[in-house]
Structure formats: C-alpha cells, structure tokens
Amino acid sequence: MTTASDVASGKTHTDENFPVASHLIAARHRPAVMAFYHFVRAADDVADHATLTPAEKLDHLDRLEQALLGRRDDEPVARPLRAVLAERRLTPRHAQDLIAAFRLDVTKNRTADWADLIHYCSLSAMPVGRYVLDVHGESESTWAASDAVCAALQIINHLQDCGKDFRDLDRVYIPDDALAAAGVPHEALGADRASPALRTLFRDLAVRTMGLLDEGGVLPRQVADFRMSLETAVIIALARHLTTTLMSHDPLSERVHHNKAEYLRIGGVGAARTAVGRLFRRPAAPAAARVGRA
C-alpha cells in the first residue's frame, strides 16, 4: 500500500512564497511548525497529484486524517505532528481543516464568488496561522488579524499560479462571477498572456487582497511573542510587495515572485520597523497561556 510520502512532489518549505519556521522564531517552536508543514505538504501533494484518481486522492486524505487522530499508524508523515499535538495539548482541528480544503480541491474545481473564495481560505490558509499562534501560546484575540493575512497569502498564490492551476489541474480559484462580469472565459487563464480585461480583473482582485492585508496589518503589534511578531511583519511586508506587483503585472506572462535580494531587503525592512515600533511602545500585557482545545 502506498503512503502519502510515496506520492510527494519533492517541494519543501524553501520553495514557498513566504517564510516557514524561519530562524526569526524561537528554536523551541520550529520543530512543531515544521511537523505541521510536512503533514500539510504531504496532503497538498496528494490533492495536486497528476496521476492519482479522485477516489485515490480522497482515500489518501482520509488515511492521513485517521493517522493524525491516532486511529491508524501507516502514514509516517502524521507521527511527528501527532506527537507535537499530544505534547503541547493542541487541537488537531487546524490540520483537519486543511484536509477538508484538499478534499475540496479534489471534488470542486471552480469558485463561485469572493465569499466562496474566502470560505476556501478559511480551510486552506487561516488554520495555518491559527496553528502557529497556538504553538506560541498566543491569545485567540489574534486570530481575526491572522485570518485576514493568511487569506491574503492564499489569494496571492492563486493569482500567481492561476495559469498553471488551470492548465495542469483544470482548477480555477478566480471567482466565476468576476470572470463573467469581465466577459472573460475560464479558458483565458490558459493563454500565454492576459487580455486587457483579464489584467483589469487581476488588478481588482489584488486591490481586494491588499484590503485583507490592511485589515491584518495589526497582527505584529497584537502578537505577544517578540520573535513571532517579527516573523509576521516579514510575511506581511513580502505580501504587500507581491500584491502591489500583481496590480501592475500579468501573472500569465510575467514572473511575479521575489528574488533572493528582494526577499531579504523587503523582509528585513518589515522586521526592522516592527522591532523599532515595539521597542518604543508602552509594554503590553503578556498573552494568557493557552491550553490546546480538543
């Protein structure tokens, strides 16, 4: 019997748009974050696999969830996360939400409207931020800002990869109602370059995404853990730059990603601004210690 690891894409945390358990966060928290990442990456690879049938994908995802919950032990990638959850008394719900998102990827390949897109983000992205905040013992009062940031990160990825998603997976996260209003068929996402109407649509979605980042911009100030606040500041700074780029660039014909120099410069400025801001603000009350919810 094959496991999820047997169908892995080979993609690692270093291939992601945004930092994953970077050295900004405390060393004691990085293994917990990486255990979550490896589990989610395995599930994502299953959902995106080129040759597995939908039934096989769903079976793999079911087995991953059962292994996460300790009901079977034949998915090695689930063991480290299961151990972390037990040790830190954290809920498996965030990882289960990601599994639910990947089931949607298998069974649903179109997005009705913005609300439908945000619902998908509530399963595919928001739980990631919530898990990392839980690992750091942060208050649930940080979740609303984190949710907005994580939704923005997901939509940035959707815009960057919209051509590849359509061509390789026949999957479209660009809302149907927005495409229809612009007079753009789904097939236009498979073109070598975007039409003027599609460029306008990309820009409009990027503007809405920037609104999410504006909403979540308070997160670095809300997070009690200093190093975690720097990590969130770096992520938001990188996301703002990519979103601004998407307002003026065509993701079908142009690469909309950071090079290494941009990554370091933009992230460094974001971290420095937050560090200075925290040094000169009135000390905040420490976040209450959190107990994991089953």
Protein backbone atom coordinates (compact mmCIF):
# COMPACT_ATOMS: atom_id res chain seq x y z
CA MET A 1 0.00 0.00 0.00
CA THR A 2 1.38 3.40 -0.93
CA THR A 3 1.52 6.21 1.61
CA ALA A 4 1.22 9.94 1.08
CA SER A 5 5.01 10.18 1.25
CA ASP A 6 5.26 7.88 -1.77
CA VAL A 7 3.47 10.45 -3.97
CA ALA A 8 5.28 13.52 -2.64
CA SER A 9 6.12 16.29 -5.10
CA GLY A 10 9.53 16.97 -3.59
CA LYS A 11 8.55 20.55 -2.77
CA THR A 12 9.94 21.81 0.55
CA HIS A 13 9.45 24.80 2.81
CA THR A 14 12.23 26.63 0.98
CA ASP A 15 10.08 26.65 -2.17
CA GLU A 16 7.25 28.60 -0.54
CA ASN A 17 6.49 32.27 -1.19
CA PHE A 18 6.70 33.16 2.48
CA PRO A 19 8.88 32.12 5.44
CA VAL A 20 8.07 28.79 7.09
CA ALA A 21 9.56 28.39 10.57
CA SER A 22 12.37 30.80 9.81
CA HIS A 23 15.14 31.48 12.33
CA LEU A 24 13.24 34.56 13.45
CA ILE A 25 11.00 32.35 15.56
CA ALA A 26 12.37 30.61 18.65
CA ALA A 27 14.18 27.32 18.07
CA ARG A 28 11.88 25.52 20.52
CA HIS A 29 8.88 26.25 18.27
CA ARG A 30 10.38 25.44 14.86
CA PRO A 31 10.03 21.64 15.06
CA ALA A 32 6.32 21.99 15.89
CA VAL A 33 5.78 24.30 12.93
CA MET A 34 7.76 22.03 10.61
CA ALA A 35 5.79 18.95 11.71
CA PHE A 36 2.61 20.76 10.70
CA TYR A 37 4.17 21.90 7.42
CA HIS A 38 5.33 18.41 6.44
CA PHE A 39 1.92 16.92 7.18
CA VAL A 40 0.08 19.61 5.22
CA ARG A 41 2.58 19.48 2.35
CA ALA A 42 2.00 15.72 2.04
CA ALA A 43 -1.76 16.22 1.91
CA ASP A 44 -1.44 19.06 -0.61
CA ASP A 45 0.76 16.90 -2.84
CA VAL A 46 -1.90 14.20 -2.79
CA ALA A 47 -4.62 16.63 -3.87
CA ASP A 48 -2.45 18.01 -6.70
CA HIS A 49 -1.03 14.70 -7.90
CA ALA A 50 -1.10 14.33 -11.67
CA THR A 51 -1.97 10.64 -11.98
CA LEU A 52 -3.94 9.66 -8.88
CA THR A 53 -7.67 9.34 -9.48
CA PRO A 54 -10.07 11.45 -7.39
CA ALA A 55 -11.06 8.33 -5.44
CA GLU A 56 -7.42 7.51 -4.70
CA LYS A 57 -6.76 11.07 -3.59
CA LEU A 58 -9.72 11.06 -1.22
CA ASP A 59 -8.63 7.70 0.18
CA HIS A 60 -5.12 9.05 0.86
CA LEU A 61 -6.56 12.14 2.54
CA ASP A 62 -8.86 10.01 4.70
CA ARG A 63 -5.92 7.86 5.76
CA LEU A 64 -3.86 10.94 6.63
CA GLU A 65 -6.64 12.29 8.82
CA GLN A 66 -7.13 8.94 10.55
CA ALA A 67 -3.38 8.70 11.17
CA LEU A 68 -3.38 12.23 12.58
CA LEU A 69 -6.10 11.22 15.02
CA GLY A 70 -4.21 8.06 16.05
CA ARG A 71 -6.71 5.66 14.51
CA ARG A 72 -4.06 4.09 12.27
CA ASP A 73 -0.30 4.28 12.08
CA ASP A 74 0.64 3.58 8.47
CA GLU A 75 1.24 7.22 7.42
CA PRO A 76 4.69 8.15 8.79
CA VAL A 77 4.30 11.85 7.99
CA ALA A 78 1.49 12.08 10.56
CA ARG A 79 3.54 10.79 13.50
CA PRO A 80 5.61 13.91 14.29
CA LEU A 81 2.57 16.18 14.21
CA ARG A 82 0.54 13.76 16.29
CA ALA A 83 3.34 13.76 18.87
CA VAL A 84 3.51 17.57 18.89
CA LEU A 85 -0.23 17.87 19.40
CA ALA A 86 -0.12 15.45 22.31
CA GLU A 87 2.94 17.04 23.92
CA ARG A 88 1.61 20.58 23.67
CA ARG A 89 -2.05 19.70 24.22
CA LEU A 90 -3.08 21.28 20.92
CA THR A 91 -6.14 20.57 18.85
CA PRO A 92 -5.92 18.57 15.59
CA ARG A 93 -8.68 20.79 14.17
CA HIS A 94 -6.36 23.10 12.24
CA ALA A 95 -4.77 20.21 10.37
CA GLN A 96 -8.19 18.65 9.81
CA ASP A 97 -9.40 21.91 8.27
CA LEU A 98 -6.52 21.73 5.80
CA ILE A 99 -7.52 18.17 4.92
CA ALA A 100 -11.06 19.47 4.27
CA ALA A 101 -9.63 22.11 1.92
CA PHE A 102 -7.71 19.49 -0.04
CA ARG A 103 -10.85 17.38 -0.33
CA LEU A 104 -12.49 20.42 -1.91
CA ASP A 105 -9.57 20.66 -4.34
CA VAL A 106 -10.30 17.10 -5.41
CA THR A 107 -14.06 17.47 -5.76
CA LYS A 108 -14.60 21.13 -6.72
CA ASN A 109 -12.62 22.93 -9.40
CA ARG A 110 -14.42 26.27 -9.71
CA THR A 111 -15.02 29.20 -7.33
CA ALA A 112 -18.39 30.92 -7.40
CA ASP A 113 -17.62 34.34 -5.93
CA TRP A 114 -15.46 36.21 -3.41
CA ALA A 115 -17.36 34.71 -0.47
CA ASP A 116 -16.71 31.23 -1.84
CA LEU A 117 -13.03 32.08 -2.19
CA ILE A 118 -12.84 33.34 1.40
CA HIS A 119 -14.61 30.18 2.58
CA TYR A 120 -11.93 28.12 0.86
CA CYS A 121 -9.26 30.27 2.53
CA SER A 122 -10.92 29.63 5.89
CA LEU A 123 -9.99 25.97 5.43
CA SER A 124 -6.82 26.18 3.35
CA ALA A 125 -4.99 29.14 4.87
CA MET A 126 -6.44 30.57 8.07
CA PRO A 127 -5.83 27.37 10.09
CA VAL A 128 -2.11 27.63 9.32
CA GLY A 129 -1.82 30.97 11.08
CA ARG A 130 -4.01 29.80 13.94
CA TYR A 131 -1.84 26.74 14.48
CA VAL A 132 1.37 28.78 14.58
CA LEU A 133 -0.22 31.20 17.02
CA ASP A 134 -1.37 28.26 19.17
CA VAL A 135 2.17 26.87 19.19
CA HIS A 136 3.38 30.24 20.51
CA GLY A 137 0.70 30.35 23.19
CA GLU A 138 -0.93 33.43 21.71
CA SER A 139 -4.45 34.57 22.57
CA GLU A 140 -7.32 33.81 20.22
CA SER A 141 -7.78 37.57 20.02
CA THR A 142 -5.01 37.48 17.40
CA TRP A 143 -6.96 35.13 15.13
CA ALA A 144 -9.02 37.74 13.26
CA ALA A 145 -5.97 39.64 12.03
CA SER A 146 -4.13 36.40 11.29
CA ASP A 147 -7.11 35.11 9.30
CA ALA A 148 -7.08 38.21 7.09
CA VAL A 149 -3.33 37.92 6.47
CA CYS A 150 -3.50 34.20 5.73
CA ALA A 151 -6.41 34.67 3.31
CA ALA A 152 -4.37 37.31 1.51
CA LEU A 153 -1.36 34.98 1.24
CA GLN A 154 -3.56 32.27 -0.24
CA ILE A 155 -5.11 34.60 -2.81
CA ILE A 156 -1.67 35.89 -3.81
CA ASN A 157 -0.69 32.29 -4.50
CA HIS A 158 -3.88 31.77 -6.51
CA LEU A 159 -3.18 34.83 -8.66
CA GLN A 160 0.46 33.90 -9.20
CA ASP A 161 -0.39 30.34 -10.21
CA CYS A 162 -3.73 30.84 -11.96
CA GLY A 163 -2.37 29.84 -15.37
CA LYS A 164 -0.62 26.72 -14.09
CA ASP A 165 -3.62 25.70 -11.98
CA PHE A 166 -5.91 25.90 -14.99
CA ARG A 167 -3.59 24.15 -17.44
CA ASP A 168 -2.38 21.39 -15.13
CA LEU A 169 -5.35 20.79 -12.84
CA ASP A 170 -8.35 22.43 -14.55
CA ARG A 171 -8.72 24.29 -11.26
CA VAL A 172 -9.83 27.93 -11.09
CA TYR A 173 -9.79 29.99 -7.91
CA ILE A 174 -10.58 33.25 -9.74
CA PRO A 175 -14.28 33.81 -8.90
CA ASP A 176 -16.73 32.85 -11.64
CA ASP A 177 -18.86 35.96 -11.12
CA ALA A 178 -15.82 38.23 -11.59
CA LEU A 179 -14.80 36.40 -14.77
CA ALA A 180 -18.36 36.66 -16.10
CA ALA A 181 -18.61 40.37 -15.27
CA ALA A 182 -15.35 40.97 -17.13
CA GLY A 183 -16.52 38.90 -20.10
CA VAL A 184 -13.57 36.54 -19.65
CA PRO A 185 -13.97 32.74 -20.09
CA HIS A 186 -12.11 30.30 -17.89
CA GLU A 187 -10.06 29.24 -20.91
CA ALA A 188 -8.40 32.68 -20.99
CA LEU A 189 -6.38 31.61 -17.96
CA GLY A 190 -4.57 29.13 -20.20
CA ALA A 191 -3.32 31.82 -22.58
CA ASP A 192 0.29 32.96 -22.84
CA ARG A 193 -0.67 36.44 -21.67
CA ALA A 194 -3.71 38.10 -20.16
CA SER A 195 -6.11 40.20 -22.18
CA PRO A 196 -6.75 43.80 -21.04
CA ALA A 197 -10.00 42.68 -19.41
CA LEU A 198 -8.25 39.91 -17.51
CA ARG A 199 -5.44 42.26 -16.48
CA THR A 200 -8.06 44.58 -15.01
CA LEU A 201 -9.62 41.66 -13.17
CA PHE A 202 -6.25 40.63 -11.73
CA ARG A 203 -5.70 44.20 -10.57
CA ASP A 204 -9.13 44.37 -8.94
CA LEU A 205 -8.52 41.12 -7.06
CA ALA A 206 -5.12 42.39 -5.97
CA VAL A 207 -6.75 45.55 -4.61
CA ARG A 208 -9.19 43.43 -2.58
CA THR A 209 -6.28 41.35 -1.36
CA MET A 210 -4.47 44.49 -0.21
CA GLY A 211 -7.58 45.29 1.78
CA LEU A 212 -7.14 42.00 3.63
CA LEU A 213 -3.53 42.90 4.38
CA ASP A 214 -4.65 46.30 5.66
CA GLU A 215 -7.12 44.53 7.93
CA GLY A 216 -4.49 42.14 9.21
CA GLY A 217 -1.70 44.69 9.47
CA VAL A 218 -2.19 44.99 13.24
CA LEU A 219 -1.05 41.39 13.77
CA PRO A 220 2.64 42.13 14.55
CA ARG A 221 1.50 44.54 17.27
CA GLN A 222 -1.01 42.08 18.69
CA VAL A 223 1.36 39.13 18.97
CA ALA A 224 2.96 38.95 22.41
CA ASP A 225 5.99 36.88 21.39
CA PHE A 226 8.61 39.33 20.08
CA ARG A 227 10.24 36.95 17.61
CA MET A 228 6.88 35.80 16.28
CA SER A 229 5.87 39.43 15.79
CA LEU A 230 8.95 39.92 13.59
CA GLU A 231 8.05 36.81 11.57
CA THR A 232 4.54 38.14 10.93
CA ALA A 233 5.94 41.54 9.99
CA VAL A 234 8.24 39.97 7.41
CA ILE A 235 5.38 37.96 5.92
CA ILE A 236 3.09 40.99 5.68
CA ALA A 237 5.83 43.11 4.09
CA LEU A 238 6.53 40.45 1.47
CA ALA A 239 2.81 40.01 0.82
CA ARG A 240 2.27 43.74 0.35
CA HIS A 241 5.08 43.90 -2.19
CA LEU A 242 3.75 40.92 -4.16
CA THR A 243 0.21 42.32 -4.11
CA THR A 244 1.43 45.68 -5.38
CA THR A 245 3.31 43.87 -8.14
CA LEU A 246 0.18 41.94 -9.10
CA MET A 247 -1.65 45.23 -9.56
CA SER A 248 0.64 46.12 -12.46
CA HIS A 249 1.98 42.81 -13.78
CA ASP A 250 0.49 39.92 -15.72
CA PRO A 251 0.97 36.61 -13.87
CA LEU A 252 0.32 34.69 -17.09
CA SER A 253 3.31 36.18 -18.89
CA GLU A 254 5.49 37.65 -16.14
CA ARG A 255 7.12 36.12 -13.08
CA VAL A 256 5.53 37.63 -10.00
CA HIS A 257 7.84 36.31 -7.30
CA HIS A 258 10.59 37.73 -5.13
CA ASN A 259 14.18 37.11 -5.98
CA LYS A 260 16.51 36.44 -3.05
CA ALA A 261 17.71 40.03 -2.78
CA GLU A 262 14.16 41.41 -2.76
CA TYR A 263 13.12 38.80 -0.23
CA LEU A 264 15.87 39.77 2.18
CA ARG A 265 15.52 43.53 1.66
CA ILE A 266 11.73 43.71 1.93
CA GLY A 267 11.53 41.24 4.79
CA GLY A 268 14.37 42.97 6.63
CA VAL A 269 12.71 46.36 6.42
CA GLY A 270 9.43 44.90 7.67
CA ALA A 271 11.12 43.24 10.64
CA ALA A 272 13.15 46.35 11.50
CA ARG A 273 10.11 48.60 11.51
CA THR A 274 8.24 46.27 13.81
CA ALA A 275 11.23 45.86 16.12
CA VAL A 276 11.63 49.63 16.46
CA GLY A 277 7.89 50.09 16.96
CA ARG A 278 7.81 47.51 19.75
CA LEU A 279 10.86 48.96 21.49
CA PHE A 280 9.25 52.38 21.78
CA ARG A 281 5.69 51.42 22.59
CA ARG A 282 4.17 51.03 26.03
CA PRO A 283 4.69 47.43 27.23
CA ALA A 284 1.68 45.25 26.51
CA ALA A 285 0.24 42.78 28.96
CA PRO A 286 1.55 39.27 28.23
CA ALA A 287 -0.76 36.95 26.35
CA ALA A 288 -2.52 34.48 28.56
CA ALA A 289 -1.13 30.98 28.36
CA ARG A 290 -3.27 28.91 26.06
CA VAL A 291 -4.45 25.39 26.63
CA GLY A 292 -4.98 23.34 23.45
CA ARG A 293 -8.58 22.64 22.57
CA ALA A 294 -9.52 19.10 21.64
